[in-house]
Amino acid sequence: MTVPNTAADAAADMGAPAIPAAALIEGRSLGRIAWDRFKRDKIAMASGGFILLLILLAIFADVINHAMGLDPNVFNGNLIDTGTLLPIGPRGGMSLAHPFGLEPTNGRDLFARIVVGVRPTLIVALAATAVQMIVGIIIGAVAGYFGSWTDAVLSRITDIFLAFPILIFLIAIGSIIPVNAFGLSGWSLHIVVMVVVIGVFSWAYQARLIRGLVLSLREREFVDAARLLGARPSRIIFREILPNLASPILVYTSLAIPANIVLEAYLSFLGVGTPPPNASWGQMLSTAVDSYSVDPTFMLVPGLAVFLTVLAFNLFGDGLRDALDPRAGR
């Protein structure tokens, strides 16, 4: 007797009409289901495309500027009105050669500086988010799993960091950064300091969220089974519990990135972020304060860059949350 291998063979053996192969139900993983949901969200897909474009700009900024014959640090004094110190021409001197216009006073090209300014923004935001998520996940998971005095101590430490005035601390640190330290100098030193300080002092919110999720999972059957099999606490946390929190962790990460983008812009605006002459969106906004009343173009260009970047990450995070939510109605 031959055992049928497919649903179509079984139907044929029973005398029923054969089921076409295309009509058979295909099993889908949770990741595939989430991806199919995400693809249906056109706004989230467009936001993801914009984020990918920003990443490509950060990687190939120098190549793009060289191909267009632009340099972010070249002064075009011949294109500045000597009387008003504003770019010659309408809308901040916009033209085919300078699509976003020029800076007042010195005439540096805005397009070149916007493209180069993507780099520190994304480096600080992504790296600082990675640091704060790693620290927050570890502390939150340990506190939630062990409970008792461990939870009490880590929760009080978390409360301290939640009350810590990180922006004031960053301003103070940025004001006293030496010229050289730890084998770094200039732009790279400021970037590393911002990443470390933001990451180390911004993990408390993530730790509080992860702790609550771990508390709800530590008494589940699969965790009890791992304990009975003799698994160590570290294995239970990192191999059993945290993989089940992948969805909320991804969502929290996507929503923490835009907050760090804004924080980096704040610091550069206040003069303690990316040091000049390196381009930064926040630094460009700070320079535009003196001329926005007579020519708002210089402020609108970097302002829109920050706004659209933050909006794209927020919309991407919303779409990711809806796609990963099993109770979503879409």
C-alpha atoms as a PDB file:
ATOM      1  CA  MET A   1       0.000   0.000   0.000  1.00  0.00           C
ATOM      2  CA  THR A   2       1.341   3.409  -0.993  1.00  0.00           C
ATOM      3  CA  VAL A   3       1.151   6.176   1.560  1.00  0.00           C
ATOM      4  CA  PRO A   4       0.063   9.511  -0.003  1.00  0.00           C
ATOM      5  CA  ASN A   5       2.746  12.162   0.253  1.00  0.00           C
ATOM      6  CA  THR A   6       0.619  15.254  -0.207  1.00  0.00           C
ATOM      7  CA  ALA A   7      -2.883  16.491   0.440  1.00  0.00           C
ATOM      8  CA  ALA A   8      -3.524  16.255  -3.309  1.00  0.00           C
ATOM      9  CA  ASP A   9      -2.515  12.538  -3.356  1.00  0.00           C
ATOM     10  CA  ALA A  10      -4.711  11.816  -0.335  1.00  0.00           C
ATOM     11  CA  ALA A  11      -7.702  13.477  -1.995  1.00  0.00           C
ATOM     12  CA  ALA A  12      -7.134  11.475  -5.165  1.00  0.00           C
ATOM     13  CA  ASP A  13      -6.948   8.175  -3.236  1.00  0.00           C
ATOM     14  CA  MET A  14     -10.281   8.953  -1.551  1.00  0.00           C
ATOM     15  CA  GLY A  15     -11.939   9.558  -4.899  1.00  0.00           C
ATOM     16  CA  ALA A  16     -12.237  13.329  -4.344  1.00  0.00           C
ATOM     17  CA  PRO A  17     -11.171  15.817  -6.996  1.00  0.00           C
ATOM     18  CA  ALA A  18      -7.465  16.555  -6.923  1.00  0.00           C
ATOM     19  CA  ILE A  19      -6.501  19.759  -5.099  1.00  0.00           C
ATOM     20  CA  PRO A  20      -4.333  22.055  -7.235  1.00  0.00           C
ATOM     21  CA  ALA A  21      -0.879  22.613  -5.742  1.00  0.00           C
ATOM     22  CA  ALA A  22      -1.377  26.398  -5.848  1.00  0.00           C
ATOM     23  CA  ALA A  23      -4.516  26.078  -3.715  1.00  0.00           C
ATOM     24  CA  LEU A  24      -2.761  24.334  -0.845  1.00  0.00           C
ATOM     25  CA  ILE A  25      -2.290  26.455   2.281  1.00  0.00           C
ATOM     26  CA  GLU A  26       1.318  27.382   2.793  1.00  0.00           C
ATOM     27  CA  GLY A  27       2.587  27.528   6.364  1.00  0.00           C
ATOM     28  CA  ARG A  28       4.071  30.880   7.357  1.00  0.00           C
ATOM     29  CA  SER A  29       6.445  31.713  10.168  1.00  0.00           C
ATOM     30  CA  LEU A  30       5.799  34.539  12.604  1.00  0.00           C
ATOM     31  CA  GLY A  31       8.472  36.563  10.880  1.00  0.00           C
ATOM     32  CA  ARG A  32       6.817  36.067   7.510  1.00  0.00           C
ATOM     33  CA  ILE A  33       3.432  37.078   8.935  1.00  0.00           C
ATOM     34  CA  ALA A  34       4.949  40.224  10.469  1.00  0.00           C
ATOM     35  CA  TRP A  35       6.705  41.081   7.189  1.00  0.00           C
ATOM     36  CA  ASP A  36       3.475  40.663   5.219  1.00  0.00           C
ATOM     37  CA  ARG A  37       1.710  42.996   7.660  1.00  0.00           C
ATOM     38  CA  PHE A  38       4.523  45.514   7.480  1.00  0.00           C
ATOM     39  CA  LYS A  39       4.502  45.529   3.666  1.00  0.00           C
ATOM     40  CA  ARG A  40       0.842  46.509   3.675  1.00  0.00           C
ATOM     41  CA  ASP A  41       1.680  49.656   5.657  1.00  0.00           C
ATOM     42  CA  LYS A  42       2.698  52.007   2.843  1.00  0.00           C
ATOM     43  CA  ILE A  43       3.639  54.827   5.224  1.00  0.00           C
ATOM     44  CA  ALA A  44       5.990  52.575   7.201  1.00  0.00           C
ATOM     45  CA  MET A  45       7.517  51.226   3.988  1.00  0.00           C
ATOM     46  CA  ALA A  46       8.099  54.762   2.701  1.00  0.00           C
ATOM     47  CA  SER A  47       9.663  55.698   6.036  1.00  0.00           C
ATOM     48  CA  GLY A  48      11.942  52.678   5.829  1.00  0.00           C
ATOM     49  CA  GLY A  49      12.987  53.729   2.333  1.00  0.00           C
ATOM     50  CA  PHE A  50      13.780  57.234   3.583  1.00  0.00           C
ATOM     51  CA  ILE A  51      15.853  55.807   6.448  1.00  0.00           C
ATOM     52  CA  LEU A  52      17.754  53.608   3.993  1.00  0.00           C
ATOM     53  CA  LEU A  53      18.423  56.706   1.872  1.00  0.00           C
ATOM     54  CA  LEU A  54      19.819  58.518   4.921  1.00  0.00           C
ATOM     55  CA  ILE A  55      22.130  55.598   5.675  1.00  0.00           C
ATOM     56  CA  LEU A  56      23.394  55.587   2.081  1.00  0.00           C
ATOM     57  CA  LEU A  57      23.951  59.359   2.259  1.00  0.00           C
ATOM     58  CA  ALA A  58      25.965  58.934   5.454  1.00  0.00           C
ATOM     59  CA  ILE A  59      28.130  56.243   3.845  1.00  0.00           C
ATOM     60  CA  PHE A  60      28.658  57.929   0.475  1.00  0.00           C
ATOM     61  CA  ALA A  61      28.479  61.598   1.519  1.00  0.00           C
ATOM     62  CA  ASP A  62      31.988  62.418   0.314  1.00  0.00           C
ATOM     63  CA  VAL A  63      31.454  60.566  -2.970  1.00  0.00           C
ATOM     64  CA  ILE A  64      28.176  62.412  -3.632  1.00  0.00           C
ATOM     65  CA  ASN A  65      29.674  65.836  -2.904  1.00  0.00           C
ATOM     66  CA  HIS A  66      32.717  65.104  -5.049  1.00  0.00           C
ATOM     67  CA  ALA A  67      30.518  63.965  -7.944  1.00  0.00           C
ATOM     68  CA  MET A  68      28.520  67.210  -7.724  1.00  0.00           C
ATOM     69  CA  GLY A  69      31.658  69.328  -7.406  1.00  0.00           C
ATOM     70  CA  LEU A  70      30.735  70.521  -3.917  1.00  0.00           C
ATOM     71  CA  ASP A  71      32.727  70.881  -0.712  1.00  0.00           C
ATOM     72  CA  PRO A  72      31.063  71.495   2.678  1.00  0.00           C
ATOM     73  CA  ASN A  73      33.957  73.663   3.911  1.00  0.00           C
ATOM     74  CA  VAL A  74      34.629  75.837   0.833  1.00  0.00           C
ATOM     75  CA  PHE A  75      33.688  79.502   1.249  1.00  0.00           C
ATOM     76  CA  ASN A  76      31.959  81.016  -1.783  1.00  0.00           C
ATOM     77  CA  GLY A  77      32.492  84.643  -0.894  1.00  0.00           C
ATOM     78  CA  ASN A  78      31.844  85.782  -4.475  1.00  0.00           C
ATOM     79  CA  LEU A  79      28.226  84.609  -4.117  1.00  0.00           C
ATOM     80  CA  ILE A  80      27.578  86.671  -0.960  1.00  0.00           C
ATOM     81  CA  ASP A  81      26.294  90.239  -0.997  1.00  0.00           C
ATOM     82  CA  THR A  82      28.967  92.323   0.714  1.00  0.00           C
ATOM     83  CA  GLY A  83      26.361  94.714   2.093  1.00  0.00           C
ATOM     84  CA  THR A  84      23.829  92.319   3.635  1.00  0.00           C
ATOM     85  CA  LEU A  85      26.151  89.302   3.938  1.00  0.00           C
ATOM     86  CA  LEU A  86      23.294  87.196   2.496  1.00  0.00           C
ATOM     87  CA  PRO A  87      23.514  84.911  -0.542  1.00  0.00           C
ATOM     88  CA  ILE A  88      22.929  86.595  -3.864  1.00  0.00           C
ATOM     89  CA  GLY A  89      19.657  85.490  -5.433  1.00  0.00           C
ATOM     90  CA  PRO A  90      16.248  84.378  -4.181  1.00  0.00           C
ATOM     91  CA  ARG A  91      15.582  81.626  -1.598  1.00  0.00           C
ATOM     92  CA  GLY A  92      19.034  81.756  -0.056  1.00  0.00           C
ATOM     93  CA  GLY A  93      20.887  81.589  -3.357  1.00  0.00           C
ATOM     94  CA  MET A  94      19.311  78.337  -4.575  1.00  0.00           C
ATOM     95  CA  SER A  95      20.427  77.309  -8.075  1.00  0.00           C
ATOM     96  CA  LEU A  96      21.317  74.221 -10.072  1.00  0.00           C
ATOM     97  CA  ALA A  97      24.874  74.476  -8.761  1.00  0.00           C
ATOM     98  CA  HIS A  98      23.675  74.993  -5.178  1.00  0.00           C
ATOM     99  CA  PRO A  99      20.279  73.229  -4.888  1.00  0.00           C
ATOM    100  CA  PHE A 100      19.736  74.045  -1.195  1.00  0.00           C
ATOM    101  CA  GLY A 101      21.294  77.496  -1.301  1.00  0.00           C
ATOM    102  CA  LEU A 102      24.248  78.926   0.605  1.00  0.00           C
ATOM    103  CA  GLU A 103      25.080  79.898   4.150  1.00  0.00           C
ATOM    104  CA  PRO A 104      24.956  83.612   4.939  1.00  0.00           C
ATOM    105  CA  THR A 105      28.261  85.409   5.532  1.00  0.00           C
ATOM    106  CA  ASN A 106      30.610  82.630   4.331  1.00  0.00           C
ATOM    107  CA  GLY A 107      28.695  81.048   1.427  1.00  0.00           C
ATOM    108  CA  ARG A 108      29.262  77.386   2.241  1.00  0.00           C
ATOM    109  CA  ASP A 109      26.993  75.079   0.257  1.00  0.00           C
ATOM    110  CA  LEU A 110      23.982  73.881   2.262  1.00  0.00           C
ATOM    111  CA  PHE A 111      23.427  70.698   0.253  1.00  0.00           C
ATOM    112  CA  ALA A 112      26.995  69.549   0.866  1.00  0.00           C
ATOM    113  CA  ARG A 113      26.723  70.301   4.580  1.00  0.00           C
ATOM    114  CA  ILE A 114      23.319  68.625   4.922  1.00  0.00           C
ATOM    115  CA  VAL A 115      24.652  65.463   3.276  1.00  0.00           C
ATOM    116  CA  VAL A 116      27.775  65.402   5.456  1.00  0.00           C
ATOM    117  CA  GLY A 117      25.709  66.280   8.542  1.00  0.00           C
ATOM    118  CA  VAL A 118      23.786  63.012   8.227  1.00  0.00           C
ATOM    119  CA  ARG A 119      26.876  61.143   9.394  1.00  0.00           C
ATOM    120  CA  PRO A 120      27.276  62.419  12.992  1.00  0.00           C
ATOM    121  CA  THR A 121      23.507  62.396  13.468  1.00  0.00           C
ATOM    122  CA  LEU A 122      23.131  58.717  12.578  1.00  0.00           C
ATOM    123  CA  ILE A 123      26.364  57.596  14.230  1.00  0.00           C
ATOM    124  CA  VAL A 124      25.442  59.167  17.566  1.00  0.00           C
ATOM    125  CA  ALA A 125      21.787  58.100  17.410  1.00  0.00           C
ATOM    126  CA  LEU A 126      22.401  54.478  16.379  1.00  0.00           C
ATOM    127  CA  ALA A 127      25.455  53.849  18.559  1.00  0.00           C
ATOM    128  CA  ALA A 128      23.979  55.515  21.657  1.00  0.00           C
ATOM    129  CA  THR A 129      20.733  53.595  21.181  1.00  0.00           C
ATOM    130  CA  ALA A 130      22.678  50.332  20.933  1.00  0.00           C
ATOM    131  CA  VAL A 131      24.519  51.093  24.187  1.00  0.00           C
ATOM    132  CA  GLN A 132      21.415  52.112  26.123  1.00  0.00           C
ATOM    133  CA  MET A 133      19.407  49.124  24.858  1.00  0.00           C
ATOM    134  CA  ILE A 134      22.146  46.638  25.794  1.00  0.00           C
ATOM    135  CA  VAL A 135      22.576  48.104  29.290  1.00  0.00           C
ATOM    136  CA  GLY A 136      18.829  48.491  29.816  1.00  0.00           C
ATOM    137  CA  ILE A 137      18.034  44.957  28.632  1.00  0.00           C
ATOM    138  CA  ILE A 138      20.665  43.348  30.853  1.00  0.00           C
ATOM    139  CA  ILE A 139      19.753  45.301  34.001  1.00  0.00           C
ATOM    140  CA  GLY A 140      16.008  44.991  33.413  1.00  0.00           C
ATOM    141  CA  ALA A 141      16.208  41.254  32.702  1.00  0.00           C
ATOM    142  CA  VAL A 142      18.370  40.538  35.764  1.00  0.00           C
ATOM    143  CA  ALA A 143      16.118  42.603  38.032  1.00  0.00           C
ATOM    144  CA  GLY A 144      12.937  41.007  36.710  1.00  0.00           C
ATOM    145  CA  TYR A 145      14.192  37.424  36.775  1.00  0.00           C
ATOM    146  CA  PHE A 146      15.906  37.281  40.191  1.00  0.00           C
ATOM    147  CA  GLY A 147      13.541  39.614  42.063  1.00  0.00           C
ATOM    148  CA  SER A 148      14.037  39.917  45.829  1.00  0.00           C
ATOM    149  CA  TRP A 149      16.948  42.132  46.941  1.00  0.00           C
ATOM    150  CA  THR A 150      18.485  42.107  43.445  1.00  0.00           C
ATOM    151  CA  ASP A 151      15.348  43.680  42.026  1.00  0.00           C
ATOM    152  CA  ALA A 152      15.179  46.174  44.878  1.00  0.00           C
ATOM    153  CA  VAL A 153      18.795  47.348  44.424  1.00  0.00           C
ATOM    154  CA  LEU A 154      18.637  47.572  40.627  1.00  0.00           C
ATOM    155  CA  SER A 155      15.251  49.298  40.742  1.00  0.00           C
ATOM    156  CA  ARG A 156      16.606  52.005  43.066  1.00  0.00           C
ATOM    157  CA  ILE A 157      19.609  52.490  40.757  1.00  0.00           C
ATOM    158  CA  THR A 158      17.181  52.765  37.855  1.00  0.00           C
ATOM    159  CA  ASP A 159      15.188  55.406  39.716  1.00  0.00           C
ATOM    160  CA  ILE A 160      18.363  57.431  40.239  1.00  0.00           C
ATOM    161  CA  PHE A 161      19.199  57.370  36.543  1.00  0.00           C
ATOM    162  CA  LEU A 162      15.609  58.243  35.622  1.00  0.00           C
ATOM    163  CA  ALA A 163      15.937  61.398  37.734  1.00  0.00           C
ATOM    164  CA  PHE A 164      19.409  62.235  36.382  1.00  0.00           C
ATOM    165  CA  PRO A 165      19.508  65.539  34.385  1.00  0.00           C
ATOM    166  CA  ILE A 166      21.222  64.043  31.354  1.00  0.00           C
ATOM    167  CA  LEU A 167      20.988  67.134  29.141  1.00  0.00           C
ATOM    168  CA  ILE A 168      22.659  69.359  31.749  1.00  0.00           C
ATOM    169  CA  PHE A 169      25.308  66.691  32.317  1.00  0.00           C
ATOM    170  CA  LEU A 170      25.971  66.424  28.569  1.00  0.00           C
ATOM    171  CA  ILE A 171      26.348  70.191  28.287  1.00  0.00           C
ATOM    172  CA  ALA A 172      28.808  70.200  31.183  1.00  0.00           C
ATOM    173  CA  ILE A 173      30.828  67.297  29.759  1.00  0.00           C
ATOM    174  CA  GLY A 174      30.816  68.788  26.269  1.00  0.00           C
ATOM    175  CA  SER A 175      32.186  72.059  27.622  1.00  0.00           C
ATOM    176  CA  ILE A 176      35.253  70.463  29.213  1.00  0.00           C
ATOM    177  CA  ILE A 177      36.212  67.912  26.538  1.00  0.00           C
ATOM    178  CA  PRO A 178      39.982  68.272  26.002  1.00  0.00           C
ATOM    179  CA  VAL A 179      41.607  68.557  22.602  1.00  0.00           C
ATOM    180  CA  ASN A 180      43.030  65.031  22.871  1.00  0.00           C
ATOM    181  CA  ALA A 181      42.001  62.129  25.075  1.00  0.00           C
ATOM    182  CA  PHE A 182      42.063  58.308  24.917  1.00  0.00           C
ATOM    183  CA  GLY A 183      44.002  58.475  21.657  1.00  0.00           C
ATOM    184  CA  LEU A 184      41.197  60.456  20.001  1.00  0.00           C
ATOM    185  CA  SER A 185      40.861  64.105  19.053  1.00  0.00           C
ATOM    186  CA  GLY A 186      38.482  66.571  17.448  1.00  0.00           C
ATOM    187  CA  TRP A 187      35.389  65.182  15.743  1.00  0.00           C
ATOM    188  CA  SER A 188      35.934  61.541  16.724  1.00  0.00           C
ATOM    189  CA  LEU A 189      36.465  62.413  20.410  1.00  0.00           C
ATOM    190  CA  HIS A 190      33.230  64.429  20.589  1.00  0.00           C
ATOM    191  CA  ILE A 191      31.284  61.648  18.869  1.00  0.00           C
ATOM    192  CA  VAL A 192      32.591  58.978  21.248  1.00  0.00           C
ATOM    193  CA  VAL A 193      31.869  61.127  24.315  1.00  0.00           C
ATOM    194  CA  MET A 194      28.293  61.817  23.153  1.00  0.00           C
ATOM    195  CA  VAL A 195      27.677  58.127  22.407  1.00  0.00           C
ATOM    196  CA  VAL A 196      29.045  56.941  25.753  1.00  0.00           C
ATOM    197  CA  VAL A 197      27.318  59.572  27.890  1.00  0.00           C
ATOM    198  CA  ILE A 198      23.946  59.288  26.131  1.00  0.00           C
ATOM    199  CA  GLY A 199      24.077  55.493  26.151  1.00  0.00           C
ATOM    200  CA  VAL A 200      25.238  55.107  29.752  1.00  0.00           C
ATOM    201  CA  PHE A 201      22.782  57.624  31.216  1.00  0.00           C
ATOM    202  CA  SER A 202      19.700  56.840  29.085  1.00  0.00           C
ATOM    203  CA  TRP A 203      19.130  53.139  29.723  1.00  0.00           C
ATOM    204  CA  ALA A 204      16.804  53.450  32.733  1.00  0.00           C
ATOM    205  CA  TYR A 205      13.537  53.740  30.788  1.00  0.00           C
ATOM    206  CA  GLN A 206      14.331  50.617  28.740  1.00  0.00           C
ATOM    207  CA  ALA A 207      15.366  48.750  31.905  1.00  0.00           C
ATOM    208  CA  ARG A 208      12.037  49.568  33.560  1.00  0.00           C
ATOM    209  CA  LEU A 209      10.085  48.262  30.549  1.00  0.00           C
ATOM    210  CA  ILE A 210      12.148  45.076  30.186  1.00  0.00           C
ATOM    211  CA  ARG A 211      11.859  44.350  33.915  1.00  0.00           C
ATOM    212  CA  GLY A 212       8.068  44.434  33.700  1.00  0.00           C
ATOM    213  CA  LEU A 213       8.036  42.104  30.692  1.00  0.00           C
ATOM    214  CA  VAL A 214      10.449  39.647  32.324  1.00  0.00           C
ATOM    215  CA  LEU A 215       8.302  39.578  35.469  1.00  0.00           C
ATOM    216  CA  SER A 216       5.386  38.390  33.344  1.00  0.00           C
ATOM    217  CA  LEU A 217       7.448  35.643  31.681  1.00  0.00           C
ATOM    218  CA  ARG A 218       9.582  34.205  34.472  1.00  0.00           C
ATOM    219  CA  GLU A 219       6.755  32.008  35.837  1.00  0.00           C
ATOM    220  CA  ARG A 220       5.710  30.619  32.446  1.00  0.00           C
ATOM    221  CA  GLU A 221       5.848  26.892  31.746  1.00  0.00           C
ATOM    222  CA  PHE A 222       8.822  26.997  29.357  1.00  0.00           C
ATOM    223  CA  VAL A 223      10.901  28.796  32.013  1.00  0.00           C
ATOM    224  CA  ASP A 224       9.918  26.224  34.659  1.00  0.00           C
ATOM    225  CA  ALA A 225      10.856  23.452  32.242  1.00  0.00           C
ATOM    226  CA  ALA A 226      14.293  25.014  31.695  1.00  0.00           C
ATOM    227  CA  ARG A 227      14.824  25.224  35.464  1.00  0.00           C
ATOM    228  CA  LEU A 228      13.854  21.566  35.936  1.00  0.00           C
ATOM    229  CA  LEU A 229      16.340  20.595  33.246  1.00  0.00           C
ATOM    230  CA  GLY A 230      19.082  22.322  35.244  1.00  0.00           C
ATOM    231  CA  ALA A 231      19.611  25.375  33.019  1.00  0.00           C
ATOM    232  CA  ARG A 232      21.611  28.168  34.598  1.00  0.00           C
ATOM    233  CA  PRO A 233      19.928  31.549  35.179  1.00  0.00           C
ATOM    234  CA  SER A 234      22.075  33.198  32.500  1.00  0.00           C
ATOM    235  CA  ARG A 235      20.953  30.610  29.935  1.00  0.00           C
ATOM    236  CA  ILE A 236      17.308  30.983  30.939  1.00  0.00           C
ATOM    237  CA  ILE A 237      17.488  34.782  30.623  1.00  0.00           C
ATOM    238  CA  PHE A 238      19.375  34.977  27.329  1.00  0.00           C
ATOM    239  CA  ARG A 239      18.173  31.795  25.600  1.00  0.00           C
ATOM    240  CA  GLU A 240      14.609  31.422  26.861  1.00  0.00           C
ATOM    241  CA  ILE A 241      13.188  34.758  28.044  1.00  0.00           C
ATOM    242  CA  LEU A 242      14.837  37.454  25.920  1.00  0.00           C
ATOM    243  CA  PRO A 243      14.121  35.748  22.554  1.00  0.00           C
ATOM    244  CA  ASN A 244      10.436  35.976  23.483  1.00  0.00           C
ATOM    245  CA  LEU A 245      10.875  39.726  23.944  1.00  0.00           C
ATOM    246  CA  ALA A 246      12.394  40.330  20.501  1.00  0.00           C
ATOM    247  CA  SER A 247       9.301  42.149  19.219  1.00  0.00           C
ATOM    248  CA  PRO A 248       9.011  44.755  22.003  1.00  0.00           C
ATOM    249  CA  ILE A 249      12.785  45.221  22.032  1.00  0.00           C
ATOM    250  CA  LEU A 250      12.759  46.030  18.300  1.00  0.00           C
ATOM    251  CA  VAL A 251       9.916  48.483  18.792  1.00  0.00           C
ATOM    252  CA  TYR A 252      11.591  50.212  21.761  1.00  0.00           C
ATOM    253  CA  THR A 253      14.802  50.477  19.750  1.00  0.00           C
ATOM    254  CA  SER A 254      13.093  52.064  16.748  1.00  0.00           C
ATOM    255  CA  LEU A 255      11.438  54.631  19.031  1.00  0.00           C
ATOM    256  CA  ALA A 256      14.624  55.419  20.994  1.00  0.00           C
ATOM    257  CA  ILE A 257      16.601  56.337  17.863  1.00  0.00           C
ATOM    258  CA  PRO A 258      14.614  59.509  17.008  1.00  0.00           C
ATOM    259  CA  ALA A 259      14.893  60.695  20.619  1.00  0.00           C
ATOM    260  CA  ASN A 260      18.674  60.443  20.362  1.00  0.00           C
ATOM    261  CA  ILE A 261      18.642  62.217  16.991  1.00  0.00           C
ATOM    262  CA  VAL A 262      16.900  65.168  18.627  1.00  0.00           C
ATOM    263  CA  LEU A 263      19.307  65.031  21.584  1.00  0.00           C
ATOM    264  CA  GLU A 264      22.323  65.168  19.266  1.00  0.00           C
ATOM    265  CA  ALA A 265      20.777  68.147  17.465  1.00  0.00           C
ATOM    266  CA  TYR A 266      20.230  69.877  20.828  1.00  0.00           C
ATOM    267  CA  LEU A 267      23.856  69.401  21.822  1.00  0.00           C
ATOM    268  CA  SER A 268      25.200  70.628  18.492  1.00  0.00           C
ATOM    269  CA  PHE A 269      22.820  73.594  18.614  1.00  0.00           C
ATOM    270  CA  LEU A 270      24.201  74.517  22.042  1.00  0.00           C
ATOM    271  CA  GLY A 271      27.767  74.218  20.782  1.00  0.00           C
ATOM    272  CA  VAL A 272      28.817  71.114  22.746  1.00  0.00           C
ATOM    273  CA  GLY A 273      28.129  68.485  20.080  1.00  0.00           C
ATOM    274  CA  THR A 274      29.897  68.095  16.751  1.00  0.00           C
ATOM    275  CA  PRO A 275      32.739  70.659  16.730  1.00  0.00           C
ATOM    276  CA  PRO A 276      33.154  73.109  13.818  1.00  0.00           C
ATOM    277  CA  PRO A 277      34.101  73.155  10.996  1.00  0.00           C
ATOM    278  CA  ASN A 278      32.514  69.683  10.802  1.00  0.00           C
ATOM    279  CA  ALA A 279      28.940  69.888   9.559  1.00  0.00           C
ATOM    280  CA  SER A 280      26.041  69.086  11.882  1.00  0.00           C
ATOM    281  CA  TRP A 281      22.333  69.860  11.512  1.00  0.00           C
ATOM    282  CA  GLY A 282      22.053  71.256  15.023  1.00  0.00           C
ATOM    283  CA  GLN A 283      25.122  73.422  14.504  1.00  0.00           C
ATOM    284  CA  MET A 284      23.627  74.767  11.260  1.00  0.00           C
ATOM    285  CA  LEU A 285      20.419  75.682  13.095  1.00  0.00           C
ATOM    286  CA  SER A 286      22.467  77.500  15.716  1.00  0.00           C
ATOM    287  CA  THR A 287      24.310  79.515  13.061  1.00  0.00           C
ATOM    288  CA  ALA A 288      21.000  80.387  11.365  1.00  0.00           C
ATOM    289  CA  VAL A 289      19.653  82.140  14.460  1.00  0.00           C
ATOM    290  CA  ASP A 290      21.353  85.409  13.469  1.00  0.00           C
ATOM    291  CA  SER A 291      19.849  85.525   9.970  1.00  0.00           C
ATOM    292  CA  TYR A 292      16.529  83.655  10.016  1.00  0.00           C
ATOM    293  CA  SER A 293      14.477  86.868  10.307  1.00  0.00           C
ATOM    294  CA  VAL A 294      15.790  88.209   6.975  1.00  0.00           C
ATOM    295  CA  ASP A 295      16.419  84.899   5.177  1.00  0.00           C
ATOM    296  CA  PRO A 296      14.696  81.850   6.714  1.00  0.00           C
ATOM    297  CA  THR A 297      16.058  79.437   4.083  1.00  0.00           C
ATOM    298  CA  PHE A 298      19.186  78.685   6.061  1.00  0.00           C
ATOM    299  CA  MET A 299      17.083  77.614   9.065  1.00  0.00           C
ATOM    300  CA  LEU A 300      14.391  75.779   7.081  1.00  0.00           C
ATOM    301  CA  VAL A 301      16.794  73.419   5.310  1.00  0.00           C
ATOM    302  CA  PRO A 302      18.479  71.839   8.390  1.00  0.00           C
ATOM    303  CA  GLY A 303      15.230  72.165  10.360  1.00  0.00           C
ATOM    304  CA  LEU A 304      13.341  70.116   7.757  1.00  0.00           C
ATOM    305  CA  ALA A 305      16.184  67.597   7.692  1.00  0.00           C
ATOM    306  CA  VAL A 306      15.850  66.994  11.443  1.00  0.00           C
ATOM    307  CA  PHE A 307      12.040  66.996  11.268  1.00  0.00           C
ATOM    308  CA  LEU A 308      11.796  64.512   8.387  1.00  0.00           C
ATOM    309  CA  THR A 309      14.403  62.182   9.899  1.00  0.00           C
ATOM    310  CA  VAL A 310      12.688  62.043  13.281  1.00  0.00           C
ATOM    311  CA  LEU A 311       9.282  61.647  11.617  1.00  0.00           C
ATOM    312  CA  ALA A 312      10.543  58.786   9.438  1.00  0.00           C
ATOM    313  CA  PHE A 313      11.919  56.860  12.429  1.00  0.00           C
ATOM    314  CA  ASN A 314       8.718  57.431  14.420  1.00  0.00           C
ATOM    315  CA  LEU A 315       6.479  56.248  11.572  1.00  0.00           C
ATOM    316  CA  PHE A 316       8.773  53.277  10.959  1.00  0.00           C
ATOM    317  CA  GLY A 317       8.558  52.370  14.647  1.00  0.00           C
ATOM    318  CA  ASP A 318       4.762  52.653  14.600  1.00  0.00           C
ATOM    319  CA  GLY A 319       4.559  50.368  11.573  1.00  0.00           C
ATOM    320  CA  LEU A 320       6.949  47.888  13.160  1.00  0.00           C
ATOM    321  CA  ARG A 321       4.882  47.846  16.351  1.00  0.00           C
ATOM    322  CA  ASP A 322       1.656  47.181  14.427  1.00  0.00           C
ATOM    323  CA  ALA A 323       3.293  44.446  12.338  1.00  0.00           C
ATOM    324  CA  LEU A 324       4.698  42.634  15.366  1.00  0.00           C
ATOM    325  CA  ASP A 325       1.516  42.934  17.462  1.00  0.00           C
ATOM    326  CA  PRO A 326      -0.372  39.620  17.217  1.00  0.00           C
ATOM    327  CA  ARG A 327      -3.572  41.397  18.264  1.00  0.00           C
ATOM    328  CA  ALA A 328      -3.372  43.920  15.439  1.00  0.00           C
ATOM    329  CA  GLY A 329      -6.484  43.984  13.342  1.00  0.00           C
ATOM    330  CA  ARG A 330      -4.636  44.352  10.063  1.00  0.00           C
END
